[in-house]
Amino acid sequence: MTTQVVHGVFGPKQVRQLKEVYERARVVEANYPESHIASKAAKRLIEAFEAVIQADGTVLDVQWLSEANPQGNA
């Protein structure tokens, strides 16, 4: 996710939370074997974050992200 996209939709607190979720997913993926359930879940989460930006640099529809209503803590 690019900073421009995220800052246009979320405030600074939400941006920090999303960045933390992304970074923790990267750590989980790195620390567990590819066949482990946690690694598989982390990989899917990372792919969801990275799917927002296409290879040519254009941004996909991020409206679903702005409609998210997070509950609790990740």
C-alpha atoms as a PDB file:
ATOM      1  CA  MET A   1       0.000   0.000   0.000  1.00  0.00           C
ATOM      2  CA  THR A   2       1.330   3.407  -0.774  1.00  0.00           C
ATOM      3  CA  THR A   3       1.340   6.205   1.715  1.00  0.00           C
ATOM      4  CA  GLN A   4      -0.674   8.412  -0.646  1.00  0.00           C
ATOM      5  CA  VAL A   5      -3.513   5.915  -0.861  1.00  0.00           C
ATOM      6  CA  VAL A   6      -3.580   5.201   2.847  1.00  0.00           C
ATOM      7  CA  HIS A   7      -3.385   8.811   4.002  1.00  0.00           C
ATOM      8  CA  GLY A   8      -6.225   9.749   1.659  1.00  0.00           C
ATOM      9  CA  VAL A   9      -8.536   7.267   3.378  1.00  0.00           C
ATOM     10  CA  PHE A  10      -7.284   6.919   6.960  1.00  0.00           C
ATOM     11  CA  GLY A  11      -5.940   9.111   9.692  1.00  0.00           C
ATOM     12  CA  PRO A  12      -2.440   8.844  11.178  1.00  0.00           C
ATOM     13  CA  LYS A  13      -3.471   6.384  13.919  1.00  0.00           C
ATOM     14  CA  GLN A  14      -5.094   3.994  11.465  1.00  0.00           C
ATOM     15  CA  VAL A  15      -2.100   4.230   9.130  1.00  0.00           C
ATOM     16  CA  ARG A  16       0.217   3.239  11.987  1.00  0.00           C
ATOM     17  CA  GLN A  17      -2.047   0.316  12.889  1.00  0.00           C
ATOM     18  CA  LEU A  18      -2.176  -0.940   9.302  1.00  0.00           C
ATOM     19  CA  LYS A  19       1.580  -0.626   8.967  1.00  0.00           C
ATOM     20  CA  GLU A  20       2.041  -2.598  12.189  1.00  0.00           C
ATOM     21  CA  VAL A  21      -0.293  -5.361  10.979  1.00  0.00           C
ATOM     22  CA  TYR A  22       1.619  -5.551   7.682  1.00  0.00           C
ATOM     23  CA  GLU A  23       5.028  -5.622   9.368  1.00  0.00           C
ATOM     24  CA  ARG A  24       3.957  -8.302  11.864  1.00  0.00           C
ATOM     25  CA  ALA A  25       2.577 -10.438   9.054  1.00  0.00           C
ATOM     26  CA  ARG A  26       5.980 -10.182   7.337  1.00  0.00           C
ATOM     27  CA  VAL A  27       7.693 -11.343  10.548  1.00  0.00           C
ATOM     28  CA  VAL A  28       5.299 -14.292  10.942  1.00  0.00           C
ATOM     29  CA  GLU A  29       5.828 -15.320   7.322  1.00  0.00           C
ATOM     30  CA  ALA A  30       9.598 -15.169   7.792  1.00  0.00           C
ATOM     31  CA  ASN A  31       9.632 -17.125  11.065  1.00  0.00           C
ATOM     32  CA  TYR A  32       7.400 -20.066  10.159  1.00  0.00           C
ATOM     33  CA  PRO A  33       7.766 -22.700   7.469  1.00  0.00           C
ATOM     34  CA  GLU A  34       5.702 -22.136   4.329  1.00  0.00           C
ATOM     35  CA  SER A  35       3.454 -25.091   5.205  1.00  0.00           C
ATOM     36  CA  HIS A  36       2.529 -23.700   8.648  1.00  0.00           C
ATOM     37  CA  ILE A  37      -1.008 -22.299   9.022  1.00  0.00           C
ATOM     38  CA  ALA A  38       0.293 -19.017  10.486  1.00  0.00           C
ATOM     39  CA  SER A  39       2.626 -18.527   7.543  1.00  0.00           C
ATOM     40  CA  LYS A  40      -0.191 -19.213   5.090  1.00  0.00           C
ATOM     41  CA  ALA A  41      -2.453 -16.693   6.830  1.00  0.00           C
ATOM     42  CA  ALA A  42       0.318 -14.097   6.936  1.00  0.00           C
ATOM     43  CA  LYS A  43       1.036 -14.608   3.243  1.00  0.00           C
ATOM     44  CA  ARG A  44      -2.619 -14.030   2.342  1.00  0.00           C
ATOM     45  CA  LEU A  45      -2.689 -10.880   4.465  1.00  0.00           C
ATOM     46  CA  ILE A  46       0.498  -9.562   2.858  1.00  0.00           C
ATOM     47  CA  GLU A  47      -0.904 -10.280  -0.601  1.00  0.00           C
ATOM     48  CA  ALA A  48      -4.069  -8.346   0.293  1.00  0.00           C
ATOM     49  CA  PHE A  49      -2.013  -5.336   1.359  1.00  0.00           C
ATOM     50  CA  GLU A  50       0.185  -5.478  -1.735  1.00  0.00           C
ATOM     51  CA  ALA A  51      -2.699  -6.102  -4.175  1.00  0.00           C
ATOM     52  CA  VAL A  52      -3.831  -2.497  -3.820  1.00  0.00           C
ATOM     53  CA  ILE A  53      -1.019  -1.366  -6.129  1.00  0.00           C
ATOM     54  CA  GLN A  54      -0.825  -2.822  -9.623  1.00  0.00           C
ATOM     55  CA  ALA A  55       2.464  -3.460 -11.420  1.00  0.00           C
ATOM     56  CA  ASP A  56       2.079  -0.330 -13.562  1.00  0.00           C
ATOM     57  CA  GLY A  57       1.662   1.815 -10.445  1.00  0.00           C
ATOM     58  CA  THR A  58      -2.059   2.446 -10.744  1.00  0.00           C
ATOM     59  CA  VAL A  59      -4.205   2.036  -7.689  1.00  0.00           C
ATOM     60  CA  LEU A  60      -6.989  -0.504  -7.535  1.00  0.00           C
ATOM     61  CA  ASP A  61     -10.358   0.289  -5.948  1.00  0.00           C
ATOM     62  CA  VAL A  62      -9.680   0.821  -2.251  1.00  0.00           C
ATOM     63  CA  GLN A  63     -13.226   1.736  -1.305  1.00  0.00           C
ATOM     64  CA  TRP A  64     -13.624  -1.594   0.524  1.00  0.00           C
ATOM     65  CA  LEU A  65     -10.733  -0.563   2.743  1.00  0.00           C
ATOM     66  CA  SER A  66     -12.329   2.747   3.693  1.00  0.00           C
ATOM     67  CA  GLU A  67     -15.573   0.954   4.597  1.00  0.00           C
ATOM     68  CA  ALA A  68     -13.827  -1.339   7.069  1.00  0.00           C
ATOM     69  CA  ASN A  69     -15.076  -1.056  10.618  1.00  0.00           C
ATOM     70  CA  PRO A  70     -12.326  -2.572  12.752  1.00  0.00           C
ATOM     71  CA  GLN A  71     -13.381  -4.117  16.046  1.00  0.00           C
ATOM     72  CA  GLY A  72     -10.895  -4.673  18.858  1.00  0.00           C
ATOM     73  CA  ASN A  73      -7.154  -5.028  18.448  1.00  0.00           C
ATOM     74  CA  ALA A  74      -5.130  -7.027  15.943  1.00  0.00           C
END
